[in-house]
């Protein structure tokens, strides 16, 4: 039989407490069971709290991953549109040919370029234009060295051959540049 159901302890405390069959004190036995139960409860509570914290952290990581996925999901499409921006830049950079074109046609092309640029900027694309900056091989791709006569232009970006672009802070393409090289 179950000891817990068979033992009844008097509340007045004047009577002697019953002993179990082995001669041990019933209250001591119950206190030990209670101590074990409290330890188990604390162990389960700690485990539950740890699991809950891990779940909350996993949910936060999932939300962050979801945000990053959304943020960079368009990167392939945007990367494929960058050569189109390059074509617009090259067309408008040729001033002689550009000025010969009909003014209304130029206005239309500039409007289309502006729409594409604004849409890409609204989706996190940023143009990198390092002209005049000190050449940094970790951020720029040098395609040529250009002799310069001014010492302060030595090691600086003289011309941008192709602009670089970042998408939400991540570099999609480094700018291709020509770097000044001073020779005395």
N, C-alpha and C. Protein backbone atom coordinates (compact mmCIF):
# COMPACT_ATOMS: atom_id res chain seq x y z
N UNK A 1 0.83 -1.19 0.00
CA UNK A 1 0.00 0.00 0.00
C UNK A 1 0.87 1.25 0.00
N UNK A 2 0.27 2.34 -0.39
CA UNK A 2 0.97 3.61 -0.47
C UNK A 2 1.05 4.22 0.92
N UNK A 3 2.28 4.54 1.40
CA UNK A 3 2.49 5.10 2.74
C UNK A 3 1.77 6.41 2.94
N UNK A 4 1.71 7.24 1.88
CA UNK A 4 1.12 8.57 2.02
C UNK A 4 -0.37 8.48 2.32
N UNK A 5 -1.05 7.48 1.81
CA UNK A 5 -2.49 7.36 2.04
C UNK A 5 -2.81 6.72 3.39
N UNK A 6 -1.88 5.91 3.92
CA UNK A 6 -2.15 5.16 5.15
C UNK A 6 -1.85 5.96 6.41
N UNK A 7 -1.00 6.95 6.32
CA UNK A 7 -0.55 7.66 7.52
C UNK A 7 -1.38 8.91 7.72
N UNK A 8 -1.92 9.05 8.90
CA UNK A 8 -2.66 10.26 9.27
C UNK A 8 -1.97 10.84 10.48
N UNK A 9 -1.60 12.10 10.41
CA UNK A 9 -0.89 12.75 11.51
C UNK A 9 -1.89 13.63 12.25
N UNK A 10 -1.90 13.46 13.55
CA UNK A 10 -2.79 14.24 14.39
C UNK A 10 -2.33 15.70 14.40
N UNK A 11 -3.27 16.60 14.44
CA UNK A 11 -2.93 18.01 14.38
C UNK A 11 -2.60 18.60 15.75
N UNK A 12 -3.04 17.98 16.83
CA UNK A 12 -2.80 18.61 18.14
C UNK A 12 -1.36 18.47 18.59
N UNK A 13 -0.59 17.54 18.01
CA UNK A 13 0.83 17.44 18.30
C UNK A 13 1.14 16.79 19.63
N UNK A 14 0.14 16.45 20.47
CA UNK A 14 0.40 15.84 21.77
C UNK A 14 0.68 14.36 21.65
N UNK A 15 0.14 13.74 20.65
CA UNK A 15 0.32 12.30 20.50
C UNK A 15 1.63 12.01 19.81
N UNK A 16 2.12 10.84 20.04
CA UNK A 16 3.35 10.41 19.41
C UNK A 16 3.09 10.13 17.94
N UNK A 17 4.05 10.53 17.07
CA UNK A 17 3.90 10.32 15.64
C UNK A 17 4.10 8.85 15.32
N UNK A 18 3.33 8.31 14.36
CA UNK A 18 3.45 6.89 14.03
C UNK A 18 4.78 6.59 13.35
N UNK A 19 5.24 5.40 13.48
CA UNK A 19 6.47 4.92 12.83
C UNK A 19 6.06 4.02 11.69
N UNK A 20 6.89 4.02 10.64
CA UNK A 20 6.58 3.09 9.56
C UNK A 20 7.11 1.70 9.94
N UNK A 21 6.90 0.72 9.06
CA UNK A 21 7.24 -0.66 9.38
C UNK A 21 8.72 -0.86 9.64
N UNK A 22 9.57 -0.06 9.10
CA UNK A 22 11.01 -0.22 9.28
C UNK A 22 11.51 0.55 10.49
N UNK A 23 10.64 1.20 11.16
CA UNK A 23 11.03 1.92 12.36
C UNK A 23 11.46 3.34 12.12
N UNK A 24 11.39 3.87 10.91
CA UNK A 24 11.80 5.24 10.61
C UNK A 24 10.71 6.23 10.95
N UNK A 25 11.06 7.44 11.10
CA UNK A 25 10.11 8.49 11.44
C UNK A 25 9.34 8.89 10.17
N UNK A 26 8.03 8.87 10.20
CA UNK A 26 7.19 9.17 9.05
C UNK A 26 7.36 10.62 8.60
N UNK A 27 7.45 11.54 9.53
CA UNK A 27 7.61 12.96 9.18
C UNK A 27 8.93 13.17 8.46
N UNK A 28 9.97 12.53 8.92
CA UNK A 28 11.27 12.66 8.26
C UNK A 28 11.19 12.13 6.84
N UNK A 29 10.49 11.03 6.70
CA UNK A 29 10.34 10.44 5.38
C UNK A 29 9.55 11.39 4.46
N UNK A 30 8.50 11.97 4.99
CA UNK A 30 7.69 12.91 4.20
C UNK A 30 8.48 14.17 3.86
N UNK A 31 9.27 14.64 4.81
CA UNK A 31 10.10 15.82 4.54
C UNK A 31 11.11 15.53 3.43
N UNK A 32 11.67 14.34 3.45
CA UNK A 32 12.62 13.95 2.42
C UNK A 32 11.94 13.90 1.06
N UNK A 33 10.74 13.32 1.02
CA UNK A 33 9.98 13.27 -0.23
C UNK A 33 9.66 14.68 -0.72
N UNK A 34 9.29 15.54 0.22
CA UNK A 34 8.99 16.93 -0.13
C UNK A 34 10.23 17.63 -0.69
N UNK A 35 11.39 17.42 -0.02
CA UNK A 35 12.64 18.01 -0.49
C UNK A 35 12.96 17.54 -1.91
N UNK A 36 12.81 16.25 -2.16
CA UNK A 36 13.08 15.70 -3.48
C UNK A 36 12.10 16.30 -4.50
N UNK A 37 10.84 16.41 -4.11
CA UNK A 37 9.83 16.97 -5.02
C UNK A 37 10.14 18.42 -5.34
N UNK A 38 10.58 19.18 -4.36
CA UNK A 38 10.93 20.60 -4.58
C UNK A 38 12.15 20.70 -5.50
N UNK A 39 13.14 19.83 -5.29
CA UNK A 39 14.31 19.85 -6.17
C UNK A 39 13.92 19.51 -7.60
N UNK A 40 13.07 18.50 -7.77
CA UNK A 40 12.61 18.14 -9.11
C UNK A 40 11.82 19.27 -9.75
N UNK A 41 10.96 19.89 -8.95
CA UNK A 41 10.17 21.02 -9.46
C UNK A 41 11.10 22.13 -9.93
N UNK A 42 12.13 22.44 -9.14
CA UNK A 42 13.06 23.50 -9.52
C UNK A 42 13.83 23.12 -10.78
N UNK A 43 14.21 21.83 -10.87
CA UNK A 43 14.92 21.36 -12.06
C UNK A 43 14.05 21.51 -13.30
N UNK A 44 12.78 21.11 -13.19
CA UNK A 44 11.85 21.23 -14.31
C UNK A 44 11.57 22.70 -14.65
N UNK A 45 11.43 23.53 -13.62
CA UNK A 45 11.19 24.96 -13.83
C UNK A 45 12.38 25.60 -14.54
N UNK A 46 13.60 25.27 -14.08
CA UNK A 46 14.81 25.82 -14.72
C UNK A 46 14.88 25.38 -16.18
N UNK A 47 14.60 24.11 -16.43
CA UNK A 47 14.62 23.60 -17.80
C UNK A 47 13.58 24.29 -18.66
N UNK A 48 12.39 24.46 -18.11
CA UNK A 48 11.32 25.13 -18.86
C UNK A 48 11.71 26.57 -19.18
N UNK A 49 12.27 27.28 -18.18
CA UNK A 49 12.67 28.67 -18.40
C UNK A 49 13.79 28.75 -19.44
N UNK A 50 14.75 27.82 -19.38
CA UNK A 50 15.84 27.79 -20.35
C UNK A 50 15.29 27.53 -21.76
N UNK A 51 14.38 26.56 -21.87
CA UNK A 51 13.77 26.26 -23.17
C UNK A 51 12.97 27.44 -23.70
N UNK A 52 12.27 28.12 -22.79
CA UNK A 52 11.48 29.29 -23.20
C UNK A 52 12.42 30.38 -23.73
N UNK A 53 13.53 30.62 -23.04
CA UNK A 53 14.50 31.64 -23.48
C UNK A 53 15.10 31.25 -24.84
N UNK A 54 15.42 29.97 -25.01
CA UNK A 54 15.95 29.52 -26.30
C UNK A 54 14.92 29.71 -27.40
N UNK A 55 13.66 29.44 -27.11
CA UNK A 55 12.60 29.61 -28.09
C UNK A 55 12.46 31.08 -28.48
N UNK A 56 12.49 31.96 -27.48
CA UNK A 56 12.38 33.40 -27.76
C UNK A 56 13.57 33.84 -28.61
N UNK A 57 14.77 33.39 -28.28
CA UNK A 57 15.96 33.74 -29.07
C UNK A 57 15.87 33.19 -30.49
N UNK A 58 15.37 31.96 -30.63
CA UNK A 58 15.21 31.37 -31.96
C UNK A 58 14.20 32.18 -32.78
N UNK A 59 13.14 32.60 -32.14
CA UNK A 59 12.14 33.42 -32.84
C UNK A 59 12.76 34.74 -33.30
N UNK A 60 13.58 35.37 -32.45
CA UNK A 60 14.25 36.62 -32.82
C UNK A 60 15.20 36.39 -34.00
N UNK A 61 15.96 35.27 -33.96
CA UNK A 61 16.86 34.96 -35.07
C UNK A 61 16.08 34.74 -36.36
N UNK A 62 14.96 34.04 -36.26
CA UNK A 62 14.12 33.80 -37.44
C UNK A 62 13.59 35.11 -38.01
N UNK A 63 13.16 36.02 -37.14
CA UNK A 63 12.68 37.33 -37.60
C UNK A 63 13.79 38.10 -38.30
N UNK A 64 15.00 38.06 -37.72
CA UNK A 64 16.13 38.77 -38.32
C UNK A 64 16.49 38.15 -39.67
N UNK A 65 16.48 36.81 -39.74
CA UNK A 65 16.75 36.14 -41.02
C UNK A 65 15.69 36.50 -42.05
N UNK A 66 14.45 36.59 -41.62
CA UNK A 66 13.36 36.94 -42.54
C UNK A 66 13.56 38.36 -43.07
N UNK A 67 13.94 39.28 -42.18
CA UNK A 67 14.19 40.67 -42.61
C UNK A 67 15.33 40.71 -43.62
N UNK A 68 16.42 39.98 -43.34
CA UNK A 68 17.55 39.96 -44.27
C UNK A 68 17.17 39.33 -45.60
N UNK A 69 16.36 38.29 -45.56
CA UNK A 69 15.92 37.65 -46.80
C UNK A 69 15.13 38.64 -47.64
N UNK A 70 14.23 39.35 -46.99
CA UNK A 70 13.43 40.35 -47.70
C UNK A 70 14.33 41.47 -48.22
N UNK A 71 15.28 41.88 -47.40
CA UNK A 71 16.17 42.97 -47.75
C UNK A 71 17.02 42.65 -48.98
N UNK A 72 17.47 41.39 -49.08
CA UNK A 72 18.39 41.02 -50.14
C UNK A 72 17.77 40.11 -51.19
N UNK A 73 16.47 39.86 -51.12
CA UNK A 73 15.81 38.99 -52.09
C UNK A 73 15.88 39.56 -53.50
N UNK A 74 15.93 40.85 -53.60
CA UNK A 74 15.95 41.50 -54.91
C UNK A 74 17.36 41.71 -55.45
N UNK A 75 18.37 41.24 -54.73
CA UNK A 75 19.75 41.53 -55.14
C UNK A 75 20.08 40.99 -56.53
N UNK A 76 19.58 39.82 -56.88
CA UNK A 76 19.87 39.29 -58.22
C UNK A 76 19.25 40.17 -59.31
N UNK A 77 18.02 40.56 -59.12
CA UNK A 77 17.36 41.42 -60.10
C UNK A 77 18.09 42.76 -60.22
N UNK A 78 18.41 43.34 -59.08
CA UNK A 78 19.09 44.63 -59.09
C UNK A 78 20.47 44.51 -59.73
N UNK A 79 21.18 43.42 -59.44
CA UNK A 79 22.49 43.20 -60.06
C UNK A 79 22.39 43.12 -61.57
N UNK A 80 21.31 42.52 -62.05
CA UNK A 80 21.12 42.42 -63.50
C UNK A 80 20.74 43.76 -64.13
N UNK A 81 20.22 44.69 -63.34
CA UNK A 81 19.86 46.01 -63.87
C UNK A 81 21.05 46.99 -63.87
N UNK A 82 22.10 46.69 -63.14
CA UNK A 82 23.25 47.60 -63.06
C UNK A 82 23.87 47.86 -64.44
N UNK A 83 24.04 46.86 -65.31
CA UNK A 83 24.57 47.16 -66.65
C UNK A 83 23.69 48.15 -67.42
N UNK A 84 22.38 48.14 -67.16
CA UNK A 84 21.49 49.11 -67.80
C UNK A 84 21.82 50.52 -67.32
N UNK A 85 22.08 50.67 -66.03
CA UNK A 85 22.49 51.97 -65.50
C UNK A 85 23.82 52.39 -66.13
N UNK A 86 24.74 51.41 -66.30
CA UNK A 86 26.02 51.72 -66.95
C UNK A 86 25.81 52.23 -68.36
N UNK A 87 24.89 51.62 -69.08
CA UNK A 87 24.61 52.04 -70.47
C UNK A 87 24.08 53.46 -70.49
N UNK A 88 23.17 53.79 -69.57
CA UNK A 88 22.67 55.17 -69.48
C UNK A 88 23.82 56.13 -69.17
N UNK A 89 24.67 55.76 -68.21
CA UNK A 89 25.79 56.63 -67.83
C UNK A 89 26.72 56.87 -69.01
N UNK A 90 27.03 55.81 -69.76
CA UNK A 90 27.92 55.97 -70.93
C UNK A 90 27.27 56.82 -72.01
N UNK A 91 25.97 56.63 -72.23
CA UNK A 91 25.28 57.41 -73.26
C UNK A 91 25.27 58.89 -72.90
N UNK A 92 25.02 59.20 -71.65
CA UNK A 92 24.95 60.60 -71.24
C UNK A 92 26.33 61.22 -71.05
N UNK A 93 27.36 60.38 -70.86
CA UNK A 93 28.72 60.89 -70.67
C UNK A 93 29.33 61.37 -71.98
N UNK A 94 28.88 60.83 -73.10
CA UNK A 94 29.38 61.26 -74.41
C UNK A 94 28.67 62.56 -74.77
N UNK A 95 29.21 63.66 -74.29
CA UNK A 95 28.58 64.98 -74.41
C UNK A 95 28.33 65.37 -75.87
N UNK A 96 29.29 65.09 -76.74
CA UNK A 96 29.16 65.49 -78.14
C UNK A 96 27.95 64.81 -78.79
N UNK A 97 27.86 63.51 -78.63
CA UNK A 97 26.74 62.77 -79.21
C UNK A 97 25.44 63.11 -78.49
N UNK A 98 25.52 63.28 -77.20
CA UNK A 98 24.33 63.58 -76.40
C UNK A 98 23.71 64.91 -76.81
N UNK A 99 24.54 65.92 -77.05
CA UNK A 99 24.06 67.24 -77.44
C UNK A 99 23.46 67.25 -78.85
N UNK A 100 23.90 66.33 -79.70
CA UNK A 100 23.38 66.25 -81.07
C UNK A 100 21.98 65.64 -81.12
N UNK A 101 21.66 64.86 -80.09
CA UNK A 101 20.34 64.20 -80.08
C UNK A 101 19.24 65.23 -79.84
N UNK A 102 18.04 64.92 -80.33
CA UNK A 102 16.87 65.80 -80.16
C UNK A 102 16.63 66.06 -78.68
N UNK A 103 16.32 67.30 -78.35
CA UNK A 103 16.14 67.69 -76.94
C UNK A 103 15.01 66.91 -76.29
N UNK A 104 13.90 66.72 -76.98
CA UNK A 104 12.77 65.97 -76.40
C UNK A 104 13.16 64.51 -76.15
N UNK A 105 13.94 63.93 -77.03
CA UNK A 105 14.39 62.56 -76.86
C UNK A 105 15.30 62.46 -75.64
N UNK A 106 16.24 63.42 -75.50
CA UNK A 106 17.14 63.44 -74.34
C UNK A 106 16.36 63.56 -73.05
N UNK A 107 15.34 64.44 -73.05
CA UNK A 107 14.51 64.63 -71.86
C UNK A 107 13.81 63.32 -71.49
N UNK A 108 13.30 62.61 -72.48
CA UNK A 108 12.64 61.33 -72.23
C UNK A 108 13.59 60.29 -71.66
N UNK A 109 14.79 60.21 -72.22
CA UNK A 109 15.79 59.26 -71.75
C UNK A 109 16.21 59.60 -70.32
N UNK A 110 16.42 60.89 -70.05
CA UNK A 110 16.79 61.31 -68.70
C UNK A 110 15.69 61.00 -67.70
N UNK A 111 14.43 61.12 -68.13
CA UNK A 111 13.29 60.81 -67.26
C UNK A 111 13.25 59.30 -66.94
N UNK A 112 13.46 58.49 -67.97
CA UNK A 112 13.48 57.03 -67.77
C UNK A 112 14.62 56.64 -66.82
N UNK A 113 15.80 57.22 -67.05
CA UNK A 113 16.96 56.96 -66.19
C UNK A 113 16.66 57.36 -64.75
N UNK A 114 16.03 58.51 -64.58
CA UNK A 114 15.68 59.00 -63.25
C UNK A 114 14.69 58.05 -62.56
N UNK A 115 13.70 57.56 -63.30
CA UNK A 115 12.72 56.63 -62.72
C UNK A 115 13.39 55.33 -62.27
N UNK A 116 14.24 54.78 -63.14
CA UNK A 116 14.93 53.53 -62.78
C UNK A 116 15.83 53.76 -61.57
N UNK A 117 16.59 54.85 -61.59
CA UNK A 117 17.50 55.15 -60.48
C UNK A 117 16.75 55.32 -59.16
N UNK A 118 15.66 56.08 -59.19
CA UNK A 118 14.87 56.31 -57.97
C UNK A 118 14.25 55.02 -57.44
N UNK A 119 13.75 54.18 -58.34
CA UNK A 119 13.16 52.91 -57.91
C UNK A 119 14.22 52.03 -57.25
N UNK A 120 15.40 51.97 -57.85
CA UNK A 120 16.47 51.16 -57.27
C UNK A 120 16.96 51.74 -55.94
N UNK A 121 17.03 53.06 -55.85
CA UNK A 121 17.43 53.69 -54.59
C UNK A 121 16.39 53.42 -53.50
N UNK A 122 15.12 53.46 -53.86
CA UNK A 122 14.06 53.17 -52.88
C UNK A 122 14.11 51.73 -52.39
N UNK A 123 14.76 50.87 -53.16
CA UNK A 123 14.92 49.47 -52.76
C UNK A 123 16.30 49.17 -52.19
N UNK A 124 17.04 50.22 -51.81
CA UNK A 124 18.30 50.04 -51.09
C UNK A 124 19.57 50.14 -51.90
N UNK A 125 19.50 50.44 -53.21
CA UNK A 125 20.70 50.54 -54.02
C UNK A 125 21.32 51.92 -53.86
N UNK A 126 22.63 51.95 -53.65
CA UNK A 126 23.36 53.20 -53.52
C UNK A 126 24.56 53.17 -54.46
N UNK A 127 24.73 54.28 -55.18
CA UNK A 127 25.86 54.40 -56.12
C UNK A 127 27.11 54.79 -55.34
N UNK A 128 28.23 54.18 -55.71
CA UNK A 128 29.52 54.53 -55.13
C UNK A 128 30.28 55.34 -56.19
N UNK A 129 30.54 56.61 -55.88
CA UNK A 129 31.29 57.48 -56.79
C UNK A 129 32.53 57.99 -56.05
N UNK A 130 33.67 57.30 -56.24
CA UNK A 130 34.86 57.66 -55.46
C UNK A 130 35.76 58.71 -56.12
N UNK A 131 35.27 59.40 -57.14
CA UNK A 131 36.12 60.37 -57.85
C UNK A 131 36.68 61.40 -56.86
N UNK A 132 38.00 61.60 -56.92
CA UNK A 132 38.68 62.56 -56.06
C UNK A 132 39.11 61.97 -54.72
N UNK A 133 38.66 60.76 -54.41
CA UNK A 133 39.05 60.12 -53.14
C UNK A 133 40.40 59.42 -53.31
N UNK A 134 41.02 59.14 -52.17
CA UNK A 134 42.27 58.37 -52.18
C UNK A 134 41.92 56.94 -52.57
N UNK A 135 42.69 56.38 -53.50
CA UNK A 135 42.45 55.01 -53.95
C UNK A 135 42.61 54.04 -52.80
N UNK A 136 41.62 53.16 -52.62
CA UNK A 136 41.65 52.13 -51.59
C UNK A 136 41.41 50.79 -52.26
N UNK A 137 42.45 49.96 -52.36
CA UNK A 137 42.30 48.69 -53.08
C UNK A 137 41.29 47.73 -52.44
N UNK A 138 40.92 47.97 -51.20
CA UNK A 138 39.92 47.11 -50.57
C UNK A 138 38.50 47.52 -50.97
N UNK A 139 38.34 48.73 -51.53
CA UNK A 139 37.02 49.22 -51.91
C UNK A 139 36.90 49.62 -53.38
N UNK A 140 38.02 49.75 -54.07
CA UNK A 140 38.02 50.17 -55.47
C UNK A 140 38.78 49.16 -56.31
N UNK A 141 38.41 49.09 -57.57
CA UNK A 141 39.12 48.22 -58.52
C UNK A 141 39.81 49.12 -59.55
N UNK A 142 41.13 49.11 -59.54
CA UNK A 142 41.90 49.96 -60.46
C UNK A 142 42.02 49.26 -61.80
N UNK A 143 41.67 50.00 -62.85
CA UNK A 143 41.80 49.46 -64.21
C UNK A 143 42.96 50.11 -64.95
N UNK A 144 43.46 51.23 -64.45
CA UNK A 144 44.58 51.90 -65.11
C UNK A 144 45.19 52.94 -64.18
N UNK A 145 46.47 53.23 -64.45
CA UNK A 145 47.15 54.33 -63.77
C UNK A 145 47.30 55.45 -64.78
N UNK A 146 46.95 56.67 -64.34
CA UNK A 146 46.98 57.82 -65.23
C UNK A 146 48.07 58.77 -64.73
N UNK A 147 49.03 59.14 -65.62
CA UNK A 147 50.05 60.09 -65.18
C UNK A 147 49.43 61.45 -64.86
N UNK A 148 49.83 62.03 -63.72
CA UNK A 148 49.34 63.35 -63.32
C UNK A 148 50.53 64.25 -63.05
N UNK A 149 50.33 65.55 -63.25
CA UNK A 149 51.41 66.52 -63.04
C UNK A 149 51.34 67.17 -61.66
N UNK A 150 50.22 67.01 -60.98
CA UNK A 150 50.07 67.59 -59.64
C UNK A 150 50.29 66.52 -58.59
N UNK A 151 51.18 66.81 -57.64
CA UNK A 151 51.54 65.84 -56.61
C UNK A 151 50.35 65.45 -55.73
N UNK A 152 49.42 66.38 -55.49
CA UNK A 152 48.28 66.08 -54.62
C UNK A 152 47.27 65.11 -55.27
N UNK A 153 47.39 64.85 -56.57
CA UNK A 153 46.51 63.89 -57.25
C UNK A 153 47.10 62.47 -57.25
N UNK A 154 48.33 62.34 -56.76
CA UNK A 154 48.98 61.03 -56.73
C UNK A 154 48.21 60.09 -55.79
N UNK A 155 47.84 58.94 -56.32
CA UNK A 155 47.12 57.95 -55.51
C UNK A 155 45.64 58.22 -55.34
N UNK A 156 45.12 59.22 -56.04
CA UNK A 156 43.70 59.54 -55.96
C UNK A 156 42.97 59.04 -57.21
N UNK A 157 41.68 58.82 -57.05
CA UNK A 157 40.86 58.38 -58.17
C UNK A 157 40.65 59.57 -59.10
N UNK A 158 41.12 59.43 -60.33
CA UNK A 158 41.04 60.50 -61.31
C UNK A 158 39.76 60.37 -62.13
N UNK A 159 39.41 59.13 -62.48
CA UNK A 159 38.24 58.90 -63.32
C UNK A 159 37.55 57.62 -62.87
N UNK A 160 36.22 57.64 -62.94
CA UNK A 160 35.44 56.44 -62.64
C UNK A 160 35.01 55.83 -63.97
N UNK A 161 35.49 54.63 -64.25
CA UNK A 161 35.14 53.94 -65.49
C UNK A 161 33.75 53.32 -65.36
N UNK A 162 33.48 52.70 -64.22
CA UNK A 162 32.16 52.13 -63.94
C UNK A 162 31.88 52.33 -62.45
N UNK A 163 30.74 52.90 -62.14
CA UNK A 163 30.38 53.15 -60.75
C UNK A 163 30.20 51.83 -60.00
N UNK A 164 30.45 51.89 -58.72
CA UNK A 164 30.19 50.75 -57.86
C UNK A 164 28.81 50.92 -57.23
N UNK A 165 28.29 49.85 -56.68
CA UNK A 165 26.96 49.89 -56.07
C UNK A 165 26.92 49.04 -54.81
N UNK A 166 26.16 49.53 -53.82
CA UNK A 166 25.88 48.74 -52.63
C UNK A 166 24.37 48.56 -52.54
N UNK A 167 23.98 47.44 -51.97
CA UNK A 167 22.57 47.16 -51.73
C UNK A 167 22.40 46.97 -50.23
N UNK A 168 21.72 47.92 -49.60
CA UNK A 168 21.51 47.89 -48.15
C UNK A 168 22.82 47.68 -47.40
N UNK A 169 23.87 48.36 -47.84
CA UNK A 169 25.16 48.30 -47.17
C UNK A 169 26.08 47.19 -47.64
N UNK A 170 25.59 46.27 -48.45
CA UNK A 170 26.40 45.16 -48.96
C UNK A 170 26.87 45.52 -50.37
N UNK A 171 28.18 45.41 -50.60
CA UNK A 171 28.74 45.79 -51.91
C UNK A 171 28.32 44.77 -52.97
N UNK A 172 27.64 45.27 -54.01
CA UNK A 172 27.30 44.42 -55.15
C UNK A 172 28.41 44.45 -56.19
N UNK A 173 28.99 45.64 -56.37
CA UNK A 173 30.08 45.79 -57.33
C UNK A 173 30.97 46.95 -56.89
N UNK A 174 32.28 46.70 -56.90
CA UNK A 174 33.23 47.76 -56.59
C UNK A 174 33.33 48.70 -57.78
N UNK A 175 33.59 49.98 -57.53
CA UNK A 175 33.78 50.90 -58.66
C UNK A 175 35.09 50.59 -59.38
N UNK A 176 35.06 50.70 -60.70
CA UNK A 176 36.25 50.52 -61.52
C UNK A 176 36.79 51.92 -61.82
N UNK A 177 38.06 52.13 -61.46
CA UNK A 177 38.59 53.49 -61.48
C UNK A 177 39.97 53.56 -62.15
N UNK A 178 40.32 54.79 -62.55
CA UNK A 178 41.67 55.10 -63.00
C UNK A 178 42.31 55.94 -61.89
N UNK A 179 43.54 55.57 -61.55
CA UNK A 179 44.22 56.19 -60.40
C UNK A 179 45.36 57.08 -60.89
N UNK A 180 45.47 58.25 -60.27
CA UNK A 180 46.55 59.18 -60.61
C UNK A 180 47.89 58.68 -60.13
N UNK A 181 48.92 58.85 -60.98
CA UNK A 181 50.27 58.46 -60.63
C UNK A 181 51.21 59.62 -60.96
N UNK A 182 51.75 60.21 -59.91
CA UNK A 182 52.62 61.38 -60.07
C UNK A 182 54.04 60.94 -60.38
N UNK A 183 54.59 61.57 -61.42
CA UNK A 183 56.00 61.32 -61.77
C UNK A 183 56.67 62.67 -61.89
N UNK A 184 57.73 62.84 -61.14
CA UNK A 184 58.44 64.13 -61.12
C UNK A 184 59.21 64.37 -62.38
